[in-house]
PDB file of N, CA and C in Angstrom:
ATOM      1  N   MET A   1      -6.298  -4.966 -11.671  1.00  0.00           N
ATOM      2  CA  MET A   1      -6.060  -3.563 -11.501  1.00  0.00           C
ATOM      3  C   MET A   1      -4.674  -3.371 -10.887  1.00  0.00           C
ATOM      4  N   ILE A   2      -3.969  -2.358 -11.330  1.00  0.00           N
ATOM      5  CA  ILE A   2      -2.610  -2.096 -10.845  1.00  0.00           C
ATOM      6  C   ILE A   2      -2.647  -1.077  -9.707  1.00  0.00           C
ATOM      7  N   PHE A   3      -1.911  -1.399  -8.630  1.00  0.00           N
ATOM      8  CA  PHE A   3      -1.749  -0.493  -7.499  1.00  0.00           C
ATOM      9  C   PHE A   3      -0.274  -0.411  -7.152  1.00  0.00           C
ATOM     10  N   HIS A   4       0.095   0.637  -6.436  1.00  0.00           N
ATOM     11  CA  HIS A   4       1.486   0.873  -6.060  1.00  0.00           C
ATOM     12  C   HIS A   4       1.569   1.108  -4.558  1.00  0.00           C
ATOM     13  N   ARG A   5       2.362   0.297  -3.900  1.00  0.00           N
ATOM     14  CA  ARG A   5       2.492   0.348  -2.436  1.00  0.00           C
ATOM     15  C   ARG A   5       3.927   0.660  -2.053  1.00  0.00           C
ATOM     16  N   ILE A   6       4.111   1.616  -1.155  1.00  0.00           N
ATOM     17  CA  ILE A   6       5.447   1.944  -0.657  1.00  0.00           C
ATOM     18  C   ILE A   6       5.903   0.828   0.275  1.00  0.00           C
ATOM     19  N   VAL A   7       7.134   0.333   0.054  1.00  0.00           N
ATOM     20  CA  VAL A   7       7.691  -0.736   0.883  1.00  0.00           C
ATOM     21  C   VAL A   7       9.116  -0.367   1.300  1.00  0.00           C
ATOM     22  N   LYS A   8       9.612  -1.074   2.285  1.00  0.00           N
ATOM     23  CA  LYS A   8      10.922  -0.754   2.868  1.00  0.00           C
ATOM     24  C   LYS A   8      12.116  -1.212   2.033  1.00  0.00           C
ATOM     25  N   THR A   9      12.008  -2.402   1.427  1.00  0.00           N
ATOM     26  CA  THR A   9      13.167  -2.975   0.743  1.00  0.00           C
ATOM     27  C   THR A   9      12.813  -3.427  -0.672  1.00  0.00           C
ATOM     28  N   SER A  10      13.845  -3.797  -1.416  1.00  0.00           N
ATOM     29  CA  SER A  10      13.642  -4.264  -2.792  1.00  0.00           C
ATOM     30  C   SER A  10      13.052  -5.672  -2.853  1.00  0.00           C
ATOM     31  N   ALA A  11      12.996  -6.339  -1.707  1.00  0.00           N
ATOM     32  CA  ALA A  11      12.396  -7.672  -1.628  1.00  0.00           C
ATOM     33  C   ALA A  11      11.289  -7.626  -0.570  1.00  0.00           C
ATOM     34  N   PRO A  12      10.092  -7.162  -0.953  1.00  0.00           N
ATOM     35  CA  PRO A  12       9.015  -7.032   0.030  1.00  0.00           C
ATOM     36  C   PRO A  12       8.684  -8.364   0.704  1.00  0.00           C
ATOM     37  N   THR A  13       8.203  -8.241   1.930  1.00  0.00           N
ATOM     38  CA  THR A  13       7.788  -9.419   2.691  1.00  0.00           C
ATOM     39  C   THR A  13       6.321  -9.244   3.082  1.00  0.00           C
ATOM     40  N   ALA A  14       5.763 -10.264   3.690  1.00  0.00           N
ATOM     41  CA  ALA A  14       4.376 -10.188   4.149  1.00  0.00           C
ATOM     42  C   ALA A  14       4.200  -9.027   5.134  1.00  0.00           C
ATOM     43  N   GLN A  15       5.237  -8.680   5.873  1.00  0.00           N
ATOM     44  CA  GLN A  15       5.170  -7.561   6.816  1.00  0.00           C
ATOM     45  C   GLN A  15       4.798  -6.257   6.096  1.00  0.00           C
ATOM     46  N   ASP A  16       5.272  -6.073   4.869  1.00  0.00           N
ATOM     47  CA  ASP A  16       4.953  -4.878   4.088  1.00  0.00           C
ATOM     48  C   ASP A  16       3.475  -4.808   3.711  1.00  0.00           C
ATOM     49  N   PHE A  17       2.773  -5.927   3.841  1.00  0.00           N
ATOM     50  CA  PHE A  17       1.366  -6.001   3.464  1.00  0.00           C
ATOM     51  C   PHE A  17       0.475  -6.380   4.650  1.00  0.00           C
ATOM     52  N   THR A  18       1.009  -6.142   5.851  1.00  0.00           N
ATOM     53  CA  THR A  18       0.262  -6.399   7.079  1.00  0.00           C
ATOM     54  C   THR A  18      -0.194  -5.062   7.652  1.00  0.00           C
ATOM     55  N   PRO A  19      -1.495  -4.865   7.807  1.00  0.00           N
ATOM     56  CA  PRO A  19      -1.990  -3.574   8.305  1.00  0.00           C
ATOM     57  C   PRO A  19      -1.588  -3.294   9.753  1.00  0.00           C
ATOM     58  N   VAL A  20      -1.646  -2.012  10.110  1.00  0.00           N
ATOM     59  CA  VAL A  20      -1.227  -1.605  11.456  1.00  0.00           C
ATOM     60  C   VAL A  20      -2.031  -2.286  12.550  1.00  0.00           C
ATOM     61  N   VAL A  21      -3.295  -2.553  12.325  1.00  0.00           N
ATOM     62  CA  VAL A  21      -4.118  -3.236  13.335  1.00  0.00           C
ATOM     63  C   VAL A  21      -3.531  -4.611  13.648  1.00  0.00           C
ATOM     64  N   ALA A  22      -3.161  -5.349  12.626  1.00  0.00           N
ATOM     65  CA  ALA A  22      -2.621  -6.696  12.819  1.00  0.00           C
ATOM     66  C   ALA A  22      -1.234  -6.669  13.463  1.00  0.00           C
ATOM     67  N   ARG A  23      -0.544  -5.540  13.339  1.00  0.00           N
ATOM     68  CA  ARG A  23       0.782  -5.406  13.950  1.00  0.00           C
ATOM     69  C   ARG A  23       0.714  -4.774  15.337  1.00  0.00           C
ATOM     70  N   GLY A  24      -0.502  -4.469  15.795  1.00  0.00           N
ATOM     71  CA  GLY A  24      -0.681  -3.871  17.111  1.00  0.00           C
ATOM     72  C   GLY A  24      -0.265  -2.409  17.168  1.00  0.00           C
ATOM     73  N   LEU A  25      -0.287  -1.722  16.034  1.00  0.00           N
ATOM     74  CA  LEU A  25       0.171  -0.334  15.971  1.00  0.00           C
ATOM     75  C   LEU A  25      -0.950   0.663  15.686  1.00  0.00           C
ATOM     76  N   ALA A  26      -2.179   0.230  15.825  1.00  0.00           N
ATOM     77  CA  ALA A  26      -3.314   1.112  15.535  1.00  0.00           C
ATOM     78  C   ALA A  26      -3.310   2.303  16.483  1.00  0.00           C
ATOM     79  N   VAL A  27      -3.781   3.423  15.968  1.00  0.00           N
ATOM     80  CA  VAL A  27      -3.914   4.636  16.777  1.00  0.00           C
ATOM     81  C   VAL A  27      -5.390   4.993  16.885  1.00  0.00           C
ATOM     82  N   ARG A  28      -5.712   5.797  17.847  1.00  0.00           N
ATOM     83  CA  ARG A  28      -7.107   6.210  18.022  1.00  0.00           C
ATOM     84  C   ARG A  28      -7.497   7.173  16.906  1.00  0.00           C
ATOM     85  N   LEU A  29      -8.564   6.826  16.223  1.00  0.00           N
ATOM     86  CA  LEU A  29      -9.101   7.640  15.130  1.00  0.00           C
ATOM     87  C   LEU A  29     -10.597   7.818  15.332  1.00  0.00           C
ATOM     88  N   PRO A  30     -11.171   8.816  14.665  1.00  0.00           N
ATOM     89  CA  PRO A  30     -12.635   8.922  14.699  1.00  0.00           C
ATOM     90  C   PRO A  30     -13.247   7.617  14.176  1.00  0.00           C
ATOM     91  N   PRO A  31     -14.390   7.218  14.713  1.00  0.00           N
ATOM     92  CA  PRO A  31     -15.004   5.938  14.338  1.00  0.00           C
ATOM     93  C   PRO A  31     -15.143   5.721  12.824  1.00  0.00           C
ATOM     94  N   GLU A  32     -15.456   6.777  12.090  1.00  0.00           N
ATOM     95  CA  GLU A  32     -15.646   6.625  10.642  1.00  0.00           C
ATOM     96  C   GLU A  32     -14.336   6.351   9.895  1.00  0.00           C
ATOM     97  N   LEU A  33     -13.198   6.527  10.557  1.00  0.00           N
ATOM     98  CA  LEU A  33     -11.902   6.287   9.923  1.00  0.00           C
ATOM     99  C   LEU A  33     -11.196   5.027  10.421  1.00  0.00           C
ATOM    100  N   GLU A  34     -11.693   4.444  11.495  1.00  0.00           N
ATOM    101  CA  GLU A  34     -11.019   3.285  12.094  1.00  0.00           C
ATOM    102  C   GLU A  34     -10.838   2.123  11.127  1.00  0.00           C
ATOM    103  N   ARG A  35     -11.796   1.889  10.261  1.00  0.00           N
ATOM    104  CA  ARG A  35     -11.712   0.741   9.350  1.00  0.00           C
ATOM    105  C   ARG A  35     -10.513   0.810   8.407  1.00  0.00           C
ATOM    106  N   PHE A  36     -10.013   2.009   8.152  1.00  0.00           N
ATOM    107  CA  PHE A  36      -8.867   2.146   7.251  1.00  0.00           C
ATOM    108  C   PHE A  36      -7.597   1.537   7.834  1.00  0.00           C
ATOM    109  N   GLN A  37      -7.532   1.424   9.162  1.00  0.00           N
ATOM    110  CA  GLN A  37      -6.350   0.845   9.794  1.00  0.00           C
ATOM    111  C   GLN A  37      -6.251  -0.670   9.593  1.00  0.00           C
ATOM    112  N   SER A  38      -7.335  -1.267   9.128  1.00  0.00           N
ATOM    113  CA  SER A  38      -7.287  -2.709   8.846  1.00  0.00           C
ATOM    114  C   SER A  38      -6.926  -2.957   7.385  1.00  0.00           C
ATOM    115  N   GLY A  39      -6.647  -1.886   6.654  1.00  0.00           N
ATOM    116  CA  GLY A  39      -6.228  -1.989   5.258  1.00  0.00           C
ATOM    117  C   GLY A  39      -4.872  -1.337   5.073  1.00  0.00           C
ATOM    118  N   LEU A  40      -4.478  -1.231   3.811  1.00  0.00           N
ATOM    119  CA  LEU A  40      -3.173  -0.671   3.461  1.00  0.00           C
ATOM    120  C   LEU A  40      -3.333   0.464   2.472  1.00  0.00           C
ATOM    121  N   SER A  41      -2.474   1.451   2.578  1.00  0.00           N
ATOM    122  CA  SER A  41      -2.471   2.539   1.601  1.00  0.00           C
ATOM    123  C   SER A  41      -1.772   2.087   0.329  1.00  0.00           C
ATOM    124  N   ALA A  42      -2.348   2.487  -0.789  1.00  0.00           N
ATOM    125  CA  ALA A  42      -1.755   2.217  -2.095  1.00  0.00           C
ATOM    126  C   ALA A  42      -2.167   3.351  -3.026  1.00  0.00           C
ATOM    127  N   TYR A  43      -1.498   3.435  -4.143  1.00  0.00           N
ATOM    128  CA  TYR A  43      -1.749   4.510  -5.097  1.00  0.00           C
ATOM    129  C   TYR A  43      -1.951   3.946  -6.491  1.00  0.00           C
ATOM    130  N   ARG A  44      -2.692   4.685  -7.302  1.00  0.00           N
ATOM    131  CA  ARG A  44      -2.967   4.244  -8.672  1.00  0.00           C
ATOM    132  C   ARG A  44      -1.731   4.352  -9.555  1.00  0.00           C
ATOM    133  N   THR A  45      -0.890   5.360  -9.326  1.00  0.00           N
ATOM    134  CA  THR A  45       0.270   5.519 -10.206  1.00  0.00           C
ATOM    135  C   THR A  45       1.576   5.431  -9.418  1.00  0.00           C
ATOM    136  N   LEU A  46       2.594   5.091 -10.140  1.00  0.00           N
ATOM    137  CA  LEU A  46       3.939   5.017  -9.578  1.00  0.00           C
ATOM    138  C   LEU A  46       4.369   6.395  -9.073  1.00  0.00           C
ATOM    139  N   ARG A  47       4.081   7.426  -9.841  1.00  0.00           N
ATOM    140  CA  ARG A  47       4.471   8.791  -9.456  1.00  0.00           C
ATOM    141  C   ARG A  47       3.778   9.248  -8.175  1.00  0.00           C
ATOM    142  N   GLN A  48       2.504   8.902  -8.020  1.00  0.00           N
ATOM    143  CA  GLN A  48       1.789   9.279  -6.797  1.00  0.00           C
ATOM    144  C   GLN A  48       2.424   8.619  -5.576  1.00  0.00           C
ATOM    145  N   ALA A  49       2.733   7.340  -5.695  1.00  0.00           N
ATOM    146  CA  ALA A  49       3.367   6.617  -4.585  1.00  0.00           C
ATOM    147  C   ALA A  49       4.756   7.179  -4.302  1.00  0.00           C
ATOM    148  N   ALA A  50       5.513   7.474  -5.349  1.00  0.00           N
ATOM    149  CA  ALA A  50       6.862   8.013  -5.167  1.00  0.00           C
ATOM    150  C   ALA A  50       6.826   9.384  -4.507  1.00  0.00           C
ATOM    151  N   ALA A  51       5.851  10.213  -4.866  1.00  0.00           N
ATOM    152  CA  ALA A  51       5.728  11.535  -4.256  1.00  0.00           C
ATOM    153  C   ALA A  51       5.482  11.403  -2.754  1.00  0.00           C
ATOM    154  N   LYS A  52       4.630  10.469  -2.374  1.00  0.00           N
ATOM    155  CA  LYS A  52       4.353  10.231  -0.951  1.00  0.00           C
ATOM    156  C   LYS A  52       5.614   9.724  -0.245  1.00  0.00           C
ATOM    157  N   ALA A  53       6.325   8.795  -0.871  1.00  0.00           N
ATOM    158  CA  ALA A  53       7.547   8.239  -0.276  1.00  0.00           C
ATOM    159  C   ALA A  53       8.615   9.316  -0.103  1.00  0.00           C
ATOM    160  N   ARG A  54       8.694  10.246  -1.041  1.00  0.00           N
ATOM    161  CA  ARG A  54       9.663  11.333  -0.908  1.00  0.00           C
ATOM    162  C   ARG A  54       9.291  12.278   0.235  1.00  0.00           C
ATOM    163  N   ARG A  55       7.994  12.514   0.429  1.00  0.00           N
ATOM    164  CA  ARG A  55       7.545  13.381   1.527  1.00  0.00           C
ATOM    165  C   ARG A  55       7.748  12.715   2.885  1.00  0.00           C
ATOM    166  N   TYR A  56       7.612  11.395   2.907  1.00  0.00           N
ATOM    167  CA  TYR A  56       7.719  10.636   4.163  1.00  0.00           C
ATOM    168  C   TYR A  56       8.691   9.475   3.974  1.00  0.00           C
ATOM    169  N   PRO A  57      10.004   9.750   3.980  1.00  0.00           N
ATOM    170  CA  PRO A  57      11.015   8.716   3.723  1.00  0.00           C
ATOM    171  C   PRO A  57      10.949   7.515   4.652  1.00  0.00           C
ATOM    172  N   SER A  58      10.404   7.702   5.846  1.00  0.00           N
ATOM    173  CA  SER A  58      10.332   6.578   6.789  1.00  0.00           C
ATOM    174  C   SER A  58       9.377   5.484   6.309  1.00  0.00           C
ATOM    175  N   LEU A  59       8.516   5.796   5.343  1.00  0.00           N
ATOM    176  CA  LEU A  59       7.592   4.781   4.810  1.00  0.00           C
ATOM    177  C   LEU A  59       8.320   3.716   3.996  1.00  0.00           C
ATOM    178  N   GLY A  60       9.406   4.106   3.354  1.00  0.00           N
ATOM    179  CA  GLY A  60      10.157   3.154   2.545  1.00  0.00           C
ATOM    180  C   GLY A  60      10.780   3.822   1.338  1.00  0.00           C
ATOM    181  N   SER A  61      11.720   3.108   0.713  1.00  0.00           N
ATOM    182  CA  SER A  61      12.465   3.636  -0.430  1.00  0.00           C
ATOM    183  C   SER A  61      12.151   2.923  -1.733  1.00  0.00           C
ATOM    184  N   TYR A  62      11.141   2.056  -1.704  1.00  0.00           N
ATOM    185  CA  TYR A  62      10.782   1.276  -2.888  1.00  0.00           C
ATOM    186  C   TYR A  62       9.273   1.301  -3.084  1.00  0.00           C
ATOM    187  N   ILE A  63       8.870   1.076  -4.321  1.00  0.00           N
ATOM    188  CA  ILE A  63       7.453   0.970  -4.637  1.00  0.00           C
ATOM    189  C   ILE A  63       7.215  -0.422  -5.207  1.00  0.00           C
ATOM    190  N   ALA A  64       6.331  -1.163  -4.552  1.00  0.00           N
ATOM    191  CA  ALA A  64       5.923  -2.481  -5.062  1.00  0.00           C
ATOM    192  C   ALA A  64       4.730  -2.264  -5.993  1.00  0.00           C
ATOM    193  N   VAL A  65       4.825  -2.825  -7.174  1.00  0.00           N
ATOM    194  CA  VAL A  65       3.742  -2.751  -8.152  1.00  0.00           C
ATOM    195  C   VAL A  65       2.918  -4.023  -8.002  1.00  0.00           C
ATOM    196  N   LEU A  66       1.636  -3.849  -7.698  1.00  0.00           N
ATOM    197  CA  LEU A  66       0.743  -4.992  -7.492  1.00  0.00           C
ATOM    198  C   LEU A  66      -0.257  -5.080  -8.636  1.00  0.00           C
ATOM    199  N   ASP A  67      -0.402  -6.252  -9.178  1.00  0.00           N
ATOM    200  CA  ASP A  67      -1.428  -6.519 -10.184  1.00  0.00           C
ATOM    201  C   ASP A  67      -2.497  -7.357  -9.500  1.00  0.00           C
ATOM    202  N   VAL A  68      -3.565  -6.678  -9.062  1.00  0.00           N
ATOM    203  CA  VAL A  68      -4.631  -7.331  -8.301  1.00  0.00           C
ATOM    204  C   VAL A  68      -5.703  -7.826  -9.270  1.00  0.00           C
ATOM    205  N   PRO A  69      -5.940  -9.132  -9.306  1.00  0.00           N
ATOM    206  CA  PRO A  69      -6.961  -9.679 -10.210  1.00  0.00           C
ATOM    207  C   PRO A  69      -8.353  -9.142  -9.877  1.00  0.00           C
ATOM    208  N   HIS A  70      -9.202  -9.080 -10.882  1.00  0.00           N
ATOM    209  CA  HIS A  70     -10.570  -8.585 -10.675  1.00  0.00           C
ATOM    210  C   HIS A  70     -11.381  -9.509  -9.768  1.00  0.00           C
ATOM    211  N   ARG A  71     -11.253 -10.798  -9.934  1.00  0.00           N
ATOM    212  CA  ARG A  71     -11.980 -11.767  -9.098  1.00  0.00           C
ATOM    213  C   ARG A  71     -11.020 -12.300  -8.048  1.00  0.00           C
ATOM    214  N   THR A  72     -11.127 -11.735  -6.865  1.00  0.00           N
ATOM    215  CA  THR A  72     -10.201 -12.082  -5.794  1.00  0.00           C
ATOM    216  C   THR A  72     -10.826 -11.759  -4.446  1.00  0.00           C
ATOM    217  N   THR A  73     -10.185 -12.205  -3.385  1.00  0.00           N
ATOM    218  CA  THR A  73     -10.642 -11.864  -2.038  1.00  0.00           C
ATOM    219  C   THR A  73     -10.070 -10.518  -1.590  1.00  0.00           C
ATOM    220  N   ILE A  74      -9.256  -9.905  -2.409  1.00  0.00           N
ATOM    221  CA  ILE A  74      -8.680  -8.589  -2.113  1.00  0.00           C
ATOM    222  C   ILE A  74      -9.715  -7.528  -2.482  1.00  0.00           C
ATOM    223  N   HIS A  75      -9.956  -6.631  -1.542  1.00  0.00           N
ATOM    224  CA  HIS A  75     -10.931  -5.555  -1.753  1.00  0.00           C
ATOM    225  C   HIS A  75     -10.187  -4.228  -1.818  1.00  0.00           C
ATOM    226  N   THR A  76     -10.572  -3.359  -2.751  1.00  0.00           N
ATOM    227  CA  THR A  76      -9.962  -2.046  -2.869  1.00  0.00           C
ATOM    228  C   THR A  76     -11.048  -0.975  -2.880  1.00  0.00           C
ATOM    229  N   GLU A  77     -10.685   0.186  -2.369  1.00  0.00           N
ATOM    230  CA  GLU A  77     -11.639   1.291  -2.337  1.00  0.00           C
ATOM    231  C   GLU A  77     -10.883   2.613  -2.447  1.00  0.00           C
ATOM    232  N   ARG A  78     -11.376   3.501  -3.272  1.00  0.00           N
ATOM    233  CA  ARG A  78     -10.805   4.854  -3.385  1.00  0.00           C
ATOM    234  C   ARG A  78     -11.114   5.563  -2.071  1.00  0.00           C
ATOM    235  N   THR A  79     -10.070   6.039  -1.381  1.00  0.00           N
ATOM    236  CA  THR A  79     -10.254   6.648  -0.061  1.00  0.00           C
ATOM    237  C   THR A  79      -9.420   7.915   0.084  1.00  0.00           C
ATOM    238  N   THR A  80      -9.782   8.722   1.013  1.00  0.00           N
ATOM    239  CA  THR A  80      -9.152   9.993   1.395  1.00  0.00           C
ATOM    240  C   THR A  80      -9.248  11.027   0.269  1.00  0.00           C
ATOM    241  N   GLN A  81      -8.812  12.211   0.601  1.00  0.00           N
ATOM    242  CA  GLN A  81      -8.800  13.314  -0.363  1.00  0.00           C
ATOM    243  C   GLN A  81      -7.534  13.302  -1.219  1.00  0.00           C
ATOM    244  N   GLN A  82      -6.566  12.476  -0.835  1.00  0.00           N
ATOM    245  CA  GLN A  82      -5.300  12.408  -1.550  1.00  0.00           C
ATOM    246  C   GLN A  82      -5.494  11.864  -2.954  1.00  0.00           C
ATOM    247  N   ARG A  83      -4.936  12.526  -3.912  1.00  0.00           N
ATOM    248  CA  ARG A  83      -5.070  12.122  -5.307  1.00  0.00           C
ATOM    249  C   ARG A  83      -4.537  10.699  -5.521  1.00  0.00           C
ATOM    250  N   GLY A  84      -5.373   9.847  -6.093  1.00  0.00           N
ATOM    251  CA  GLY A  84      -4.969   8.486  -6.423  1.00  0.00           C
ATOM    252  C   GLY A  84      -4.820   7.535  -5.256  1.00  0.00           C
ATOM    253  N   HIS A  85      -5.241   7.938  -4.054  1.00  0.00           N
ATOM    254  CA  HIS A  85      -5.074   7.078  -2.884  1.00  0.00           C
ATOM    255  C   HIS A  85      -6.205   6.049  -2.802  1.00  0.00           C
ATOM    256  N   TYR A  86      -5.818   4.816  -2.533  1.00  0.00           N
ATOM    257  CA  TYR A  86      -6.755   3.721  -2.315  1.00  0.00           C
ATOM    258  C   TYR A  86      -6.404   3.034  -1.009  1.00  0.00           C
ATOM    259  N   THR A  87      -7.386   2.384  -0.432  1.00  0.00           N
ATOM    260  CA  THR A  87      -7.126   1.469   0.668  1.00  0.00           C
ATOM    261  C   THR A  87      -7.374   0.069   0.127  1.00  0.00           C
ATOM    262  N   VAL A  88      -6.466  -0.830   0.475  1.00  0.00           N
ATOM    263  CA  VAL A  88      -6.512  -2.207  -0.009  1.00  0.00           C
ATOM    264  C   VAL A  88      -6.623  -3.119   1.203  1.00  0.00           C
ATOM    265  N   TRP A  89      -7.611  -4.014   1.168  1.00  0.00           N
ATOM    266  CA  TRP A  89      -7.793  -4.993   2.246  1.00  0.00           C
ATOM    267  C   TRP A  89      -7.588  -6.383   1.662  1.00  0.00           C
ATOM    268  N   GLY A  90      -6.809  -7.203   2.338  1.00  0.00           N
ATOM    269  CA  GLY A  90      -6.606  -8.573   1.896  1.00  0.00           C
ATOM    270  C   GLY A  90      -5.540  -9.258   2.734  1.00  0.00           C
ATOM    271  N   ASP A  91      -5.464 -10.547   2.580  1.00  0.00           N
ATOM    272  CA  ASP A  91      -4.457 -11.351   3.260  1.00  0.00           C
ATOM    273  C   ASP A  91      -3.061 -10.943   2.784  1.00  0.00           C
ATOM    274  N   ALA A  92      -2.138 -10.772   3.723  1.00  0.00           N
ATOM    275  CA  ALA A  92      -0.779 -10.332   3.392  1.00  0.00           C
ATOM    276  C   ALA A  92      -0.114 -11.249   2.365  1.00  0.00           C
ATOM    277  N   GLY A  93      -0.296 -12.540   2.511  1.00  0.00           N
ATOM    278  CA  GLY A  93       0.298 -13.487   1.562  1.00  0.00           C
ATOM    279  C   GLY A  93      -0.283 -13.336   0.163  1.00  0.00           C
ATOM    280  N   ASN A  94      -1.590 -13.129   0.093  1.00  0.00           N
ATOM    281  CA  ASN A  94      -2.227 -12.916  -1.215  1.00  0.00           C
ATOM    282  C   ASN A  94      -1.732 -11.626  -1.853  1.00  0.00           C
ATOM    283  N   LEU A  95      -1.623 -10.577  -1.056  1.00  0.00           N
ATOM    284  CA  LEU A  95      -1.129  -9.310  -1.588  1.00  0.00           C
ATOM    285  C   LEU A  95       0.316  -9.444  -2.057  1.00  0.00           C
ATOM    286  N   LEU A  96       1.135 -10.110  -1.277  1.00  0.00           N
ATOM    287  CA  LEU A  96       2.531 -10.324  -1.662  1.00  0.00           C
ATOM    288  C   LEU A  96       2.620 -11.077  -2.989  1.00  0.00           C
ATOM    289  N   SER A  97       1.720 -12.022  -3.205  1.00  0.00           N
ATOM    290  CA  SER A  97       1.742 -12.787  -4.457  1.00  0.00           C
ATOM    291  C   SER A  97       1.317 -11.946  -5.667  1.00  0.00           C
ATOM    292  N   CYS A  98       0.726 -10.782  -5.426  1.00  0.00           N
ATOM    293  CA  CYS A  98       0.322  -9.880  -6.516  1.00  0.00           C
ATOM    294  C   CYS A  98       1.458  -8.967  -6.977  1.00  0.00           C
ATOM    295  N   VAL A  99       2.588  -8.949  -6.245  1.00  0.00           N
ATOM    296  CA  VAL A  99       3.706  -8.072  -6.605  1.00  0.00           C
ATOM    297  C   VAL A  99       4.330  -8.559  -7.913  1.00  0.00           C
ATOM    298  N   VAL A 100       4.364  -7.654  -8.895  1.00  0.00           N
ATOM    299  CA  VAL A 100       4.939  -8.000 -10.203  1.00  0.00           C
ATOM    300  C   VAL A 100       6.245  -7.263 -10.469  1.00  0.00           C
ATOM    301  N   ALA A 101       6.541  -6.241  -9.659  1.00  0.00           N
ATOM    302  CA  ALA A 101       7.787  -5.481  -9.819  1.00  0.00           C
ATOM    303  C   ALA A 101       8.017  -4.657  -8.566  1.00  0.00           C
ATOM    304  N   VAL A 102       9.275  -4.289  -8.351  1.00  0.00           N
ATOM    305  CA  VAL A 102       9.640  -3.380  -7.266  1.00  0.00           C
ATOM    306  C   VAL A 102      10.594  -2.350  -7.869  1.00  0.00           C
ATOM    307  N   VAL A 103      10.275  -1.071  -7.649  1.00  0.00           N
ATOM    308  CA  VAL A 103      11.037   0.016  -8.262  1.00  0.00           C
ATOM    309  C   VAL A 103      11.587   0.932  -7.159  1.00  0.00           C
ATOM    310  N   PRO A 104      12.886   1.237  -7.201  1.00  0.00           N
ATOM    311  CA  PRO A 104      13.426   2.191  -6.225  1.00  0.00           C
ATOM    312  C   PRO A 104      12.812   3.570  -6.457  1.00  0.00           C
ATOM    313  N   VAL A 105      12.470   4.253  -5.393  1.00  0.00           N
ATOM    314  CA  VAL A 105      11.919   5.601  -5.501  1.00  0.00           C
ATOM    315  C   VAL A 105      12.896   6.515  -6.224  1.00  0.00           C
ATOM    316  N   SER A 106      14.177   6.316  -6.007  1.00  0.00           N
ATOM    317  CA  SER A 106      15.214   7.165  -6.625  1.00  0.00           C
ATOM    318  C   SER A 106      15.202   7.101  -8.154  1.00  0.00           C
ATOM    319  N   GLU A 107      14.615   6.063  -8.725  1.00  0.00           N
ATOM    320  CA  GLU A 107      14.565   5.920 -10.189  1.00  0.00           C
ATOM    321  C   GLU A 107      13.303   6.487 -10.813  1.00  0.00           C
ATOM    322  N   ILE A 108      12.403   6.991  -9.998  1.00  0.00           N
ATOM    323  CA  ILE A 108      11.118   7.483 -10.493  1.00  0.00           C
ATOM    324  C   ILE A 108      11.166   8.997 -10.623  1.00  0.00           C
ATOM    325  N   ARG A 109      10.865   9.481 -11.781  1.00  0.00           N
ATOM    326  CA  ARG A 109      10.865  10.929 -12.038  1.00  0.00           C
ATOM    327  C   ARG A 109       9.472  11.462 -12.110  1.00  0.00           C
TER     328      ARG A 109
END
């Protein structure tokens, strides 16, 4: 399955696929939402991810395209009310190995 993750640079690193909990940046959330901090936000389409990146430039200027195999230790779930938003849980190294392309947000229409 293809997912799109906003990243900082054209050469993503494991840091781009490390959730806020693992980086010590978790914030207090209602209990039913806390589990999302152990995952990563991703989008089904390039345009959805680019729209989010344009609204929040601090997230990054590139979109990493991930091809996540069906049989894997990576778990995905459709989450939030945001159109096309998914939460992805998995090892940062495994997620990084799923990157098949990186596209600058500026090139996405």
